[in-house]
Protein backbone atom coordinates (compact mmCIF):
# COMPACT_ATOMS: atom_id res chain seq x y z
CA PHE A 1 0.00 0.00 0.00
CA LEU A 2 2.77 2.44 0.95
CA ALA A 3 4.73 1.53 -2.18
CA PHE A 4 1.83 2.62 -4.39
CA LEU A 5 0.84 5.64 -2.32
CA LEU A 6 4.34 7.06 -1.88
CA SER A 7 5.34 6.46 -5.50
CA GLY A 8 2.33 8.51 -6.61
CA LEU A 9 3.22 11.28 -4.16
CA ALA A 10 6.85 11.24 -5.32
CA MET A 11 5.85 11.64 -8.96
CA TYR A 12 3.42 14.41 -8.01
CA LEU A 13 6.25 16.38 -6.37
CA LEU A 14 8.50 15.98 -9.41
CA ALA A 15 5.86 16.86 -12.00
CA ARG A 16 4.52 19.81 -9.99
CA GLU A 17 7.95 21.43 -10.24
CA PHE A 18 7.46 21.75 -14.01
CA ILE A 19 3.77 21.61 -14.91
CA GLY A 20 1.71 22.63 -11.89
CA ARG A 21 -0.79 20.73 -9.79
CA ILE A 22 -3.23 19.52 -12.43
CA GLY A 23 -0.51 18.08 -14.66
CA ALA A 24 1.22 16.63 -11.61
CA ILE A 25 -1.92 14.69 -10.68
CA VAL A 26 -2.04 13.26 -14.19
CA SER A 27 1.63 12.22 -14.06
CA SER A 28 1.31 10.69 -10.60
CA LEU A 29 -1.70 8.56 -11.56
CA PHE A 30 -0.05 7.46 -14.80
CA TYR A 31 2.95 6.40 -12.71
CA VAL A 32 0.82 4.47 -10.23
CA TYR A 33 -1.38 2.81 -12.88
CA ALA A 34 1.40 1.86 -15.33
CA PRO A 35 1.08 -1.80 -16.39
CA TYR A 36 4.62 -2.64 -15.24
CA HIS A 37 3.72 -1.33 -11.78
CA ALA A 38 0.98 -3.97 -11.70
CA VAL A 39 3.43 -6.61 -12.98
CA ASP A 40 5.76 -5.99 -10.03
CA ALA A 41 2.95 -6.09 -7.48
CA TYR A 42 0.52 -8.72 -8.74
CA VAL A 43 2.49 -10.92 -11.13
CA ARG A 44 6.11 -11.03 -9.97
CA GLY A 45 5.46 -10.18 -6.33
CA ALA A 46 8.70 -8.19 -6.50
CA LEU A 47 8.16 -6.09 -3.38
CA ALA A 48 11.66 -4.58 -3.25
CA GLU A 49 11.45 -3.45 -6.87
CA LEU A 50 7.90 -2.23 -6.25
CA PHE A 51 9.14 0.05 -3.48
CA SER A 52 12.04 1.31 -5.60
CA PHE A 53 9.42 3.20 -7.65
CA VAL A 54 9.16 5.58 -4.69
CA TRP A 55 12.72 6.89 -4.88
CA LEU A 56 13.18 7.55 -8.59
CA PRO A 57 11.03 10.71 -9.01
CA VAL A 58 12.30 12.42 -5.86
CA ILE A 59 15.91 11.72 -6.82
CA LEU A 60 15.31 13.49 -10.15
CA LEU A 61 13.60 16.34 -8.31
CA THR A 62 16.40 16.92 -5.80
CA ALA A 63 18.99 16.58 -8.57
CA TYR A 64 17.21 19.31 -10.50
CA LYS A 65 17.00 21.46 -7.37
CA THR A 66 20.74 20.98 -6.87
CA VAL A 67 21.44 22.34 -10.34
CA ARG A 68 19.00 25.26 -10.07
CA THR A 69 19.97 26.45 -6.59
CA GLN A 70 23.50 25.06 -6.22
CA HIS A 71 22.70 24.59 -2.52
CA LEU A 72 24.54 21.90 -0.59
CA LYS A 73 21.33 20.75 1.16
CA TRP A 74 19.86 19.45 -2.12
CA SER A 75 23.09 17.65 -2.95
CA ILE A 76 23.10 15.95 0.46
CA LEU A 77 19.42 15.00 0.18
CA THR A 78 20.01 13.49 -3.27
CA GLY A 79 22.82 11.39 -1.81
CA VAL A 80 20.57 10.13 0.99
CA LEU A 81 17.82 9.24 -1.49
CA LEU A 82 20.25 7.42 -3.77
CA ALA A 83 21.48 5.45 -0.76
CA ALA A 84 17.86 4.57 0.04
CA LEU A 85 17.44 3.30 -3.53
CA MET A 86 20.63 1.22 -3.24
CA LEU A 87 19.37 -0.35 0.00
CA THR A 88 15.91 -0.92 -1.48
CA HIS A 89 17.00 -2.51 -4.76
CA ASN A 90 20.62 -2.47 -5.87
CA LEU A 91 19.78 -3.85 -9.31
CA ILE A 92 17.52 -0.87 -10.01
CA PHE A 93 20.12 1.50 -8.59
CA LEU A 94 22.73 0.28 -11.08
CA PRO A 95 20.97 1.36 -14.32
CA PHE A 96 19.15 4.30 -12.75
CA PHE A 97 22.40 5.92 -11.65
CA VAL A 98 23.26 6.33 -15.34
CA PHE A 99 19.92 8.06 -16.00
CA TYR A 100 20.33 10.26 -12.93
CA THR A 101 23.80 11.31 -14.13
CA ALA A 102 22.48 12.13 -17.61
CA TRP A 103 19.62 14.15 -16.08
CA PHE A 104 22.03 16.10 -13.83
CA LEU A 105 24.50 16.72 -16.65
CA PHE A 106 21.79 17.85 -19.08
CA PHE A 107 20.38 20.49 -16.76
CA SER A 108 23.87 21.60 -15.75
CA ILE A 109 24.45 22.48 -19.39
CA VAL A 110 20.99 23.93 -20.05
CA GLU A 111 20.97 26.10 -16.92
CA LYS A 112 24.50 27.37 -17.69
CA GLN A 113 25.51 27.20 -14.04
CA ASN A 114 28.98 27.12 -12.46
CA ILE A 115 30.28 23.75 -13.71
CA PHE A 116 33.04 23.56 -11.09
CA LYS A 117 30.59 24.04 -8.23
CA LEU A 118 28.09 21.59 -9.74
CA THR A 119 30.83 19.00 -10.20
CA THR A 120 31.71 19.39 -6.53
CA LEU A 121 28.07 18.99 -5.50
CA PHE A 122 27.73 15.93 -7.73
CA LEU A 123 30.77 14.32 -6.12
CA ILE A 124 29.39 15.09 -2.65
CA THR A 125 26.15 13.35 -3.64
CA VAL A 126 28.00 10.31 -4.92
CA ILE A 127 30.19 10.06 -1.80
CA ILE A 128 27.14 10.28 0.48
CA ALA A 129 25.15 7.76 -1.58
CA PHE A 130 27.89 5.15 -1.73
CA GLY A 131 29.14 5.93 1.77
CA LEU A 132 25.78 5.49 3.52
CA SER A 133 25.11 2.22 1.70
CA ALA A 134 28.68 0.84 1.82
CA PHE A 135 27.80 -1.61 4.61
CA PHE A 136 25.59 -3.32 2.04
CA TRP A 137 27.30 -3.12 -1.36
CA LEU A 138 30.94 -3.39 -0.27
CA PRO A 139 30.64 -6.87 1.35
CA SER A 140 28.41 -7.93 -1.57
CA LEU A 141 31.12 -7.14 -4.10
CA ALA A 142 34.02 -8.36 -1.97
CA GLU A 143 32.47 -11.67 -0.95
CA LYS A 144 30.47 -12.78 -3.98
CA GLN A 145 33.61 -14.53 -5.23
CA TYR A 146 33.05 -17.15 -2.52
CA THR A 147 29.51 -17.96 -3.65
CA LEU A 148 27.65 -19.47 -6.59
CA VAL A 149 26.33 -16.05 -7.66
CA ASP A 150 28.24 -15.91 -10.94
CA SER A 151 27.31 -19.45 -11.93
CA LEU A 152 23.61 -19.21 -11.02
CA LEU A 153 22.57 -15.57 -11.17
CA ILE A 154 23.96 -14.46 -14.54
CA ARG A 155 23.89 -17.66 -16.58
CA ASN A 156 21.46 -20.24 -17.85
CA LEU A 157 17.80 -19.30 -17.25
CA ALA A 158 18.82 -16.04 -15.55
CA SER A 159 21.03 -14.88 -18.43
CA TYR A 160 20.09 -11.54 -19.99
CA ARG A 161 20.49 -13.15 -23.44
CA ILE A 162 17.12 -14.90 -23.26
CA HIS A 163 15.15 -12.11 -21.59
CA PHE A 164 15.12 -9.34 -24.18
CA VAL A 165 11.74 -7.85 -25.05
CA CYS A 166 10.40 -7.90 -28.59
CA PRO A 167 9.54 -4.33 -29.69
CA SER A 168 5.95 -5.37 -30.38
CA GLN A 169 5.61 -6.47 -26.75
CA LEU A 170 6.26 -2.91 -25.58
CA TRP A 171 3.17 -1.81 -27.47
CA ASN A 172 0.99 -4.74 -26.56
CA SER A 173 1.54 -8.13 -24.94
CA LEU A 174 -0.99 -10.46 -23.38
CA TRP A 175 -1.46 -10.22 -19.64
CA GLY A 176 -0.33 -13.35 -17.85
CA TYR A 177 0.86 -14.64 -14.49
CA GLY A 178 3.73 -16.74 -15.82
CA GLY A 179 7.39 -15.88 -16.28
CA SER A 180 9.89 -14.46 -18.72
CA ALA A 181 11.31 -16.73 -21.41
CA ALA A 182 13.21 -16.58 -24.69
CA GLY A 183 11.31 -15.22 -27.69
CA CYS A 184 8.15 -13.16 -27.91
CA LEU A 185 5.71 -15.51 -26.18
CA ASP A 186 6.42 -14.75 -22.54
CA GLY A 187 4.00 -15.63 -19.79
CA ILE A 188 4.31 -12.09 -18.48
CA SER A 189 3.36 -8.75 -20.06
CA PHE A 190 5.92 -6.06 -20.91
CA LYS A 191 3.59 -3.46 -22.37
CA ILE A 192 4.27 0.18 -21.57
CA GLY A 193 0.63 1.19 -21.90
CA LYS A 194 -0.87 2.68 -25.06
CA LEU A 195 -1.85 5.93 -23.35
CA HIS A 196 1.65 6.29 -21.94
CA VAL A 197 3.13 5.85 -25.42
CA PHE A 198 0.65 8.20 -27.10
CA LEU A 199 1.02 10.99 -24.55
CA SER A 200 4.82 10.70 -24.52
CA ALA A 201 4.77 11.31 -28.27
CA PHE A 202 2.19 14.09 -27.88
CA SER A 203 4.48 15.86 -25.42
CA VAL A 204 6.65 16.84 -28.40
CA VAL A 205 3.72 18.81 -29.83
CA VAL A 206 3.16 20.48 -26.45
CA ALA A 207 6.85 21.30 -26.16
CA GLY A 208 6.81 22.98 -29.57
CA TRP A 209 3.70 24.94 -28.62
CA VAL A 210 5.09 26.30 -25.35
CA LEU A 211 8.43 27.02 -27.02
CA LYS A 212 6.61 29.36 -29.40
CA LYS A 213 5.25 31.14 -26.34
CA GLY A 214 8.83 31.78 -25.20
CA ASN A 215 9.03 29.08 -22.51
CA ARG A 216 12.36 27.26 -22.83
CA GLN A 217 12.34 25.32 -19.56
CA LEU A 218 9.47 22.94 -20.37
CA PRO A 219 10.80 21.92 -23.82
CA ALA A 220 14.12 21.14 -22.12
CA VAL A 221 12.39 18.83 -19.61
CA VAL A 222 10.42 17.16 -22.40
CA SER A 223 13.56 16.70 -24.50
CA ILE A 224 15.65 14.97 -21.84
CA SER A 225 12.69 12.92 -20.57
CA LEU A 226 11.82 11.72 -24.07
CA LEU A 227 15.45 10.87 -24.89
CA LEU A 228 15.87 8.89 -21.66
CA CYS A 229 12.50 7.23 -22.20
CA ILE A 230 13.54 6.07 -25.68
CA PHE A 231 16.93 4.90 -24.42
CA ALA A 232 15.26 2.87 -21.65
CA ALA A 233 12.98 1.23 -24.24
CA PHE A 234 16.02 0.52 -26.43
CA MET A 235 17.81 -1.19 -23.53
CA THR A 236 14.95 -3.68 -23.11
CA THR A 237 15.30 -4.98 -26.68
CA ASP A 238 18.00 -7.11 -28.30
CA TYR A 239 19.01 -4.10 -30.42
CA SER A 240 21.01 -3.14 -27.32
CA LYS A 241 22.68 -6.55 -27.09
CA PHE A 242 26.07 -5.12 -28.06
CA ILE A 243 25.93 -2.93 -24.93
CA TRP A 244 24.95 -5.82 -22.70
CA ASP A 245 27.65 -8.03 -24.19
CA ASN A 246 30.39 -5.52 -23.44
CA ILE A 247 29.36 -4.27 -19.98
CA SER A 248 29.50 -7.29 -17.70
CA GLN A 249 28.12 -5.34 -14.73
CA LEU A 250 24.76 -5.25 -16.55
CA TRP A 251 24.58 -9.03 -16.48
CA TYR A 252 23.58 -8.95 -12.82
CA LEU A 253 20.33 -7.24 -13.82
CA GLN A 254 19.41 -10.62 -15.38
CA PHE A 255 16.36 -9.17 -17.16
CA PRO A 256 16.71 -6.32 -19.69
CA TRP A 257 13.04 -5.57 -19.10
CA ARG A 258 13.96 -4.14 -15.68
CA PHE A 259 14.54 -0.94 -17.68
CA LEU A 260 10.75 -0.74 -17.97
CA GLU A 261 10.66 0.88 -14.54
CA VAL A 262 12.80 3.79 -15.74
CA LEU A 263 10.81 3.93 -18.98
CA VAL A 264 7.57 4.21 -17.01
CA LEU A 265 9.11 6.96 -14.86
CA PHE A 266 9.78 9.27 -17.80
CA ALA A 267 6.68 8.27 -19.79
CA SER A 268 4.48 9.14 -16.80
CA LEU A 269 6.21 12.49 -16.32
CA LEU A 270 5.66 13.27 -20.01
CA ALA A 271 1.97 12.30 -19.77
CA GLY A 272 1.29 15.25 -17.48
CA PHE A 273 2.59 17.72 -20.08
CA SER A 274 -0.38 16.95 -22.33
CA ILE A 275 -2.72 19.26 -20.42
CA LEU A 276 -0.52 22.27 -21.22
CA ILE A 277 -1.97 22.24 -24.72
CA PHE A 278 -4.78 24.31 -23.17
CA LYS A 279 -4.19 27.64 -21.47
CA ASN A 280 -7.59 27.71 -19.79
CA THR A 281 -7.62 26.06 -16.35
CA GLN A 282 -11.11 24.60 -16.82
CA LEU A 283 -10.11 22.98 -20.10
CA ARG A 284 -6.95 21.59 -18.53
CA LEU A 285 -9.02 20.13 -15.72
CA LEU A 286 -11.45 18.59 -18.20
CA LEU A 287 -8.64 17.03 -20.25
CA ALA A 288 -6.93 15.74 -17.10
CA THR A 289 -10.18 14.14 -15.95
CA MET A 290 -10.69 12.45 -19.32
CA LEU A 291 -7.12 11.13 -19.45
CA VAL A 292 -7.23 9.77 -15.89
CA GLY A 293 -10.60 8.20 -16.59
CA LEU A 294 -9.29 6.43 -19.69
CA LEU A 295 -6.18 5.34 -17.80
CA ILE A 296 -8.05 3.78 -14.88
CA TYR A 297 -10.72 2.26 -17.15
CA GLY A 298 -8.04 0.57 -19.25
CA ASN A 299 -5.60 -0.50 -16.54
CA TYR A 300 -7.53 -1.03 -13.32
CA LYS A 301 -8.28 -4.64 -14.26
CA LEU A 302 -4.52 -5.34 -14.13
CA PHE A 303 -4.29 -4.38 -10.47
CA VAL A 304 -5.97 -7.44 -9.03
CA PRO A 305 -4.54 -10.69 -7.63
CA GLN A 306 -4.63 -13.76 -9.85
CA PHE A 307 -6.29 -15.67 -7.03
CA TYR A 308 -6.60 -15.71 -3.25
CA TYR A 309 -5.21 -18.28 -0.82
CA THR A 310 -8.43 -18.89 1.03
CA ASP A 311 -6.89 -21.49 3.36
CA ALA A 312 -3.62 -19.65 4.06
CA THR A 313 -2.56 -19.18 7.67
CA ASP A 314 0.47 -17.57 9.29
CA SER A 315 1.40 -20.85 10.95
CA HIS A 316 1.53 -22.60 7.57
CA LEU A 317 3.23 -19.87 5.52
CA THR A 318 5.94 -19.28 8.14
CA SER A 319 6.43 -22.92 9.09
CA ASP A 320 9.90 -24.48 9.10
CA GLU A 321 8.92 -26.70 6.18
CA GLU A 322 7.61 -23.80 4.07
CA ILE A 323 10.58 -21.53 4.71
CA LYS A 324 13.27 -24.18 4.15
CA TRP A 325 11.83 -26.15 1.24
CA ASN A 326 9.53 -23.81 -0.69
CA VAL A 327 10.84 -20.30 -0.12
CA SER A 328 14.58 -20.92 0.28
CA SER A 329 14.67 -23.45 -2.55
CA THR A 330 14.03 -20.68 -5.09
CA SER A 331 17.32 -18.91 -4.36
CA PHE A 332 20.54 -20.90 -4.13
CA GLU A 333 22.97 -18.33 -5.52
CA TYR A 334 24.49 -17.46 -2.13
CA LEU A 335 25.66 -20.97 -1.32
CA PRO A 336 29.46 -21.29 -1.28
CA LYS A 337 31.52 -22.44 -4.23
CA GLY A 338 32.06 -26.19 -4.15
CA PHE A 339 28.49 -26.94 -3.10
CA ALA A 340 27.06 -29.77 -5.20
CA THR A 341 25.17 -28.60 -8.29
CA VAL A 342 23.20 -30.39 -10.97
CA LEU A 343 21.78 -29.60 -14.42
CA THR A 344 17.99 -29.33 -14.45
CA ASP A 345 15.76 -30.60 -17.27
CA LYS A 346 16.05 -27.09 -18.70
CA ASP A 347 19.87 -27.27 -18.72
CA ALA A 348 20.18 -24.78 -15.88
CA VAL A 349 22.69 -25.16 -13.06
CA TRP A 350 20.94 -25.66 -9.72
CA ALA A 351 21.83 -26.80 -6.21
CA ASP A 352 21.78 -30.57 -5.89
CA ILE A 353 19.92 -30.93 -2.59
CA ASP A 354 18.16 -34.15 -1.66
CA LYS A 355 15.74 -33.49 1.16
CA SER A 356 15.95 -37.07 2.45
CA LYS A 357 19.72 -36.79 2.86
CA VAL A 358 19.80 -33.53 4.78
CA ALA A 359 20.68 -34.08 8.43
CA LYS A 360 17.86 -33.60 10.89
CA ASN A 361 20.13 -32.64 13.80
CA LYS A 362 22.48 -29.71 14.44
CA PHE A 363 25.45 -32.09 14.41
CA GLU A 364 26.33 -35.76 14.20
CA ILE A 365 29.25 -37.94 15.35
CA ILE A 366 30.37 -39.68 12.18
CA ALA A 367 33.42 -41.46 13.67
CA GLY A 368 34.83 -42.18 17.12
CA ASP A 369 33.05 -41.40 20.38
CA TYR A 370 31.95 -38.18 22.05
CA ASN A 371 29.80 -37.74 25.14
CA VAL A 372 28.14 -34.32 24.82
CA THR A 373 27.43 -32.58 28.10
CA SER A 374 26.28 -29.19 26.73
CA GLN A 375 25.73 -27.48 23.41
CA LYS A 376 25.13 -23.95 22.19
CA PHE A 377 24.29 -22.94 18.65
CA LEU A 378 24.23 -19.36 17.42
CA PRO A 379 24.34 -18.20 13.77
CA HIS A 380 28.03 -17.28 14.16
CA ASN A 381 29.14 -19.64 16.92
CA LEU A 382 28.71 -23.40 17.40
CA THR A 383 29.89 -24.77 20.74
CA LEU A 384 29.98 -28.34 22.07
CA ALA A 385 31.30 -29.48 25.45
CA GLY A 386 31.93 -33.08 26.45
CA GLN A 387 34.45 -35.90 26.69
CA SER A 388 35.93 -38.40 24.26
CA LYS A 389 38.09 -41.46 25.00
CA LEU A 390 39.24 -42.29 21.50
CA GLY A 391 38.68 -39.00 19.65
CA ALA A 392 35.81 -38.15 17.35
CA LEU A 393 34.95 -36.78 13.92
CA ILE A 394 32.04 -34.35 14.20
CA ARG A 395 30.00 -32.92 11.34
CA PHE A 396 27.87 -29.80 11.86
CA SER A 397 24.82 -29.12 9.73
CA VAL A 398 26.31 -25.80 8.65
CA THR A 399 27.84 -25.06 5.26
CA ASN A 400 31.46 -23.95 5.40
CA PHE A 401 31.93 -20.37 4.25
CA PRO A 402 35.33 -18.61 4.42
CA GLY A 403 35.69 -17.25 7.95
CA TRP A 404 34.73 -20.32 9.95
CA VAL A 405 37.49 -21.43 12.36
CA ALA A 406 37.47 -24.55 14.54
CA TRP A 407 39.00 -24.80 18.03
CA VAL A 408 39.38 -27.95 20.12
CA ASP A 409 40.51 -27.51 23.74
CA GLY A 410 41.93 -24.09 22.90
CA LYS A 411 43.89 -25.34 19.90
CA GLN A 412 42.95 -24.46 16.34
CA GLU A 413 42.05 -27.47 14.19
CA ALA A 414 41.61 -27.75 10.44
CA ILE A 415 38.09 -27.84 9.00
CA GLU A 416 37.33 -30.46 6.38
CA ASP A 417 34.40 -29.83 4.03
CA LEU A 418 34.98 -32.28 1.18
CA ASN A 419 31.41 -33.49 1.20
CA LYS A 420 28.38 -32.87 -1.01
CA TYR A 421 27.04 -29.93 0.99
CA LYS A 422 30.41 -28.54 2.21
CA LEU A 423 29.34 -29.18 5.81
CA ILE A 424 31.83 -28.18 8.50
CA THR A 425 33.59 -31.35 9.67
């Protein structure tokens, strides 16, 4: 609920800066009721990406304020908001940072401000953004080398190469609750929205009209928004494959159609410009009402669940069985390297876990003897106390990541993990 509400408010604040309240309402509702917004909420269930919609408009707004005023407070606020986006969804942050930079650079040139001062403010923003979120992204980059991320997350079924959008799908694609696949027959819709497309194109006419009236600011906003909108659409299609092939950092996005979120951002902003074709407030209000009515009439049916779990209970959905074998089994990429993998029937690499062979206990004595008198298990510390006459080989039901150290009677001992699941032994 907050993701939808706050994203609409964020777009309203951005659009109001350029086109007033009536146009801002149009832009905010087009942002909220964009088809891809419904995809994230009701098809993919991508709650982190859904909430990332909130940050994008306000980042553009504070970036623009930074250029116009050259005040440090706007630069700092932009940095904080960018950090919030990083912590909300790092894979949206990655492409959006390019769009943010282009937006900032464009207005720096158009406004003819002090480039040295703006460069300083930009660097302050970047330092704050990456500094505040460093506790998250720095370990991620430094430690991913120890995991299966690169073999699971950017290859096989998750490879960007099979998830490009056909241009026709941007205009219209059937609504479905399936997934993304190679080709043009996906089980999920990637349409921008016909009204979004039409009004984005119509914004060029509006820009030309207001330019004749001597207003240069609005055509500038339309120009950069339209260019970035087109570039975002381009990045979803295989026409951009040469870019994806040569920038390996993009591979972690997995799905080129993630750029639809940025596309929707600029298309929705442009939609609000349409009402400026009229000078009369009453006519603007009438046009805004008609556009919003058409938008909601056409898209409201997308914002409904596919079905309801009528028998769902908290005790079932948060049970040990559900969490370990249904939820966790969809994401194996953070297991350590060396963990057993297998090829699925779709030729994708996946963790080779047999439920019947997973130990039921926290530890087991697999050789020798050990009389346990006490035990303590924390996420970062496993402690056993007891006696052994002949010595023992103990295996803990914990996968061995770099950093684990074993001590026996105050003396460090080597850890052996040459087993299927790399269990600490």
